[in-house]
Amino acid sequence: YPSQITGIYNSVQQMFRLHVDACRCIPGEVRRTLESLKDSSSSRGGRKQYWIDSAKRLGLVDTEHGIYFSRDPTKPPPSVDVG
């Protein structure tokens, strides 16, 4: 597990490389969807920043002891102001 929210993106990428790509229990349809999503997002900039921003929105924060929630995770995250 990552020790900082900036490491979440790399951890997910590593999970895909080491597990999802090799796992034979994932149904073909799910595997094709995952591949399609991976291919469609591979050229987008800011992917890592998306994971950082999303983690912060969920209330995750870096501490000297690792990543923790700064709010009650059972409650919905605050709304995003799109204006």
C-alpha atoms as a PDB file:
ATOM      1  CA  TYR A   1       0.000   0.000   0.000  1.00  0.00           C
ATOM      2  CA  PRO A   2       1.241   3.520  -0.700  1.00  0.00           C
ATOM      3  CA  SER A   3       2.386   5.641   2.220  1.00  0.00           C
ATOM      4  CA  GLN A   4       1.279   8.906   0.569  1.00  0.00           C
ATOM      5  CA  ILE A   5      -1.673   9.826  -1.632  1.00  0.00           C
ATOM      6  CA  THR A   6       0.757  10.742  -4.407  1.00  0.00           C
ATOM      7  CA  GLY A   7       1.613   7.022  -4.569  1.00  0.00           C
ATOM      8  CA  ILE A   8      -1.945   5.766  -5.129  1.00  0.00           C
ATOM      9  CA  TYR A   9      -1.767   6.089  -8.915  1.00  0.00           C
ATOM     10  CA  ASN A  10       1.467   4.089  -9.133  1.00  0.00           C
ATOM     11  CA  SER A  11       0.070   1.414  -6.808  1.00  0.00           C
ATOM     12  CA  VAL A  12      -3.017   0.984  -8.995  1.00  0.00           C
ATOM     13  CA  GLN A  13      -0.847   0.811 -12.117  1.00  0.00           C
ATOM     14  CA  GLN A  14       1.322  -1.835 -10.467  1.00  0.00           C
ATOM     15  CA  MET A  15      -1.780  -3.820  -9.422  1.00  0.00           C
ATOM     16  CA  PHE A  16      -2.910  -3.868 -13.051  1.00  0.00           C
ATOM     17  CA  ARG A  17       0.492  -4.992 -14.291  1.00  0.00           C
ATOM     18  CA  LEU A  18       0.987  -7.695 -11.668  1.00  0.00           C
ATOM     19  CA  HIS A  19      -2.529  -8.975 -11.054  1.00  0.00           C
ATOM     20  CA  VAL A  20      -5.192  -7.932 -13.518  1.00  0.00           C
ATOM     21  CA  ASP A  21      -3.085  -8.678 -16.585  1.00  0.00           C
ATOM     22  CA  ALA A  22      -2.228 -12.167 -15.261  1.00  0.00           C
ATOM     23  CA  CYS A  23      -5.463 -13.137 -13.481  1.00  0.00           C
ATOM     24  CA  ARG A  24      -7.414 -15.818 -15.340  1.00  0.00           C
ATOM     25  CA  CYS A  25     -10.498 -15.396 -13.114  1.00  0.00           C
ATOM     26  CA  ILE A  26     -11.495 -12.085 -14.693  1.00  0.00           C
ATOM     27  CA  PRO A  27     -14.263 -12.693 -17.251  1.00  0.00           C
ATOM     28  CA  GLY A  28     -13.397 -11.836 -20.855  1.00  0.00           C
ATOM     29  CA  GLU A  29     -16.012  -9.098 -21.064  1.00  0.00           C
ATOM     30  CA  VAL A  30     -14.622  -7.388 -17.944  1.00  0.00           C
ATOM     31  CA  ARG A  31     -11.068  -7.782 -19.246  1.00  0.00           C
ATOM     32  CA  ARG A  32     -12.032  -6.156 -22.580  1.00  0.00           C
ATOM     33  CA  THR A  33     -13.724  -3.275 -20.744  1.00  0.00           C
ATOM     34  CA  LEU A  34     -10.627  -2.738 -18.583  1.00  0.00           C
ATOM     35  CA  GLU A  35      -8.379  -2.794 -21.647  1.00  0.00           C
ATOM     36  CA  SER A  36     -10.652  -0.335 -23.430  1.00  0.00           C
ATOM     37  CA  LEU A  37     -10.589   2.031 -20.470  1.00  0.00           C
ATOM     38  CA  LYS A  38      -6.828   1.713 -20.140  1.00  0.00           C
ATOM     39  CA  ASP A  39      -6.324   2.417 -23.861  1.00  0.00           C
ATOM     40  CA  SER A  40      -8.735   5.369 -23.917  1.00  0.00           C
ATOM     41  CA  SER A  41      -7.090   7.079 -20.952  1.00  0.00           C
ATOM     42  CA  SER A  42      -3.466   6.364 -21.837  1.00  0.00           C
ATOM     43  CA  SER A  43      -3.042   9.576 -23.817  1.00  0.00           C
ATOM     44  CA  ARG A  44      -4.775  11.888 -21.355  1.00  0.00           C
ATOM     45  CA  GLY A  45      -2.626  14.218 -19.317  1.00  0.00           C
ATOM     46  CA  GLY A  46      -3.061  14.627 -15.586  1.00  0.00           C
ATOM     47  CA  ARG A  47      -4.027  11.038 -14.781  1.00  0.00           C
ATOM     48  CA  LYS A  48      -1.883  10.984 -11.653  1.00  0.00           C
ATOM     49  CA  GLN A  49      -3.284  14.338 -10.559  1.00  0.00           C
ATOM     50  CA  TYR A  50      -6.821  12.938 -10.973  1.00  0.00           C
ATOM     51  CA  TRP A  51      -6.028  10.198  -8.432  1.00  0.00           C
ATOM     52  CA  ILE A  52      -4.513  12.732  -6.015  1.00  0.00           C
ATOM     53  CA  ASP A  53      -7.491  15.091  -6.317  1.00  0.00           C
ATOM     54  CA  SER A  54      -9.959  12.212  -5.938  1.00  0.00           C
ATOM     55  CA  ALA A  55      -8.207  10.924  -2.815  1.00  0.00           C
ATOM     56  CA  LYS A  56      -8.303  14.388  -1.259  1.00  0.00           C
ATOM     57  CA  ARG A  57     -11.983  14.773  -2.144  1.00  0.00           C
ATOM     58  CA  LEU A  58     -12.704  11.495  -0.381  1.00  0.00           C
ATOM     59  CA  GLY A  59     -11.001  12.938   2.679  1.00  0.00           C
ATOM     60  CA  LEU A  60      -7.686  11.106   2.519  1.00  0.00           C
ATOM     61  CA  VAL A  61      -4.675  12.942   3.907  1.00  0.00           C
ATOM     62  CA  ASP A  62      -0.983  12.186   4.293  1.00  0.00           C
ATOM     63  CA  THR A  63       0.284  11.814   7.855  1.00  0.00           C
ATOM     64  CA  GLU A  64       3.608  10.745   9.318  1.00  0.00           C
ATOM     65  CA  HIS A  65       1.970   7.325   9.877  1.00  0.00           C
ATOM     66  CA  GLY A  66       0.622   6.916   6.330  1.00  0.00           C
ATOM     67  CA  ILE A  67      -2.666   7.748   4.628  1.00  0.00           C
ATOM     68  CA  TYR A  68      -5.676   8.384   6.855  1.00  0.00           C
ATOM     69  CA  PHE A  69      -9.206   9.710   6.507  1.00  0.00           C
ATOM     70  CA  SER A  70      -9.645  13.289   7.705  1.00  0.00           C
ATOM     71  CA  ARG A  71     -13.436  12.864   7.795  1.00  0.00           C
ATOM     72  CA  ASP A  72     -15.993  10.136   8.396  1.00  0.00           C
ATOM     73  CA  PRO A  73     -15.638   7.842   5.347  1.00  0.00           C
ATOM     74  CA  THR A  74     -19.160   6.491   5.777  1.00  0.00           C
ATOM     75  CA  LYS A  75     -20.597   9.905   4.874  1.00  0.00           C
ATOM     76  CA  PRO A  76     -20.749  11.079   1.237  1.00  0.00           C
ATOM     77  CA  PRO A  77     -17.910  13.314   0.053  1.00  0.00           C
ATOM     78  CA  PRO A  78     -18.601  17.025  -0.287  1.00  0.00           C
ATOM     79  CA  SER A  79     -20.123  18.167  -3.561  1.00  0.00           C
ATOM     80  CA  VAL A  80     -17.841  19.538  -6.238  1.00  0.00           C
ATOM     81  CA  ASP A  81     -18.352  23.162  -7.249  1.00  0.00           C
ATOM     82  CA  VAL A  82     -18.217  23.064 -11.052  1.00  0.00           C
ATOM     83  CA  GLY A  83     -18.971  26.750 -11.524  1.00  0.00           C
END
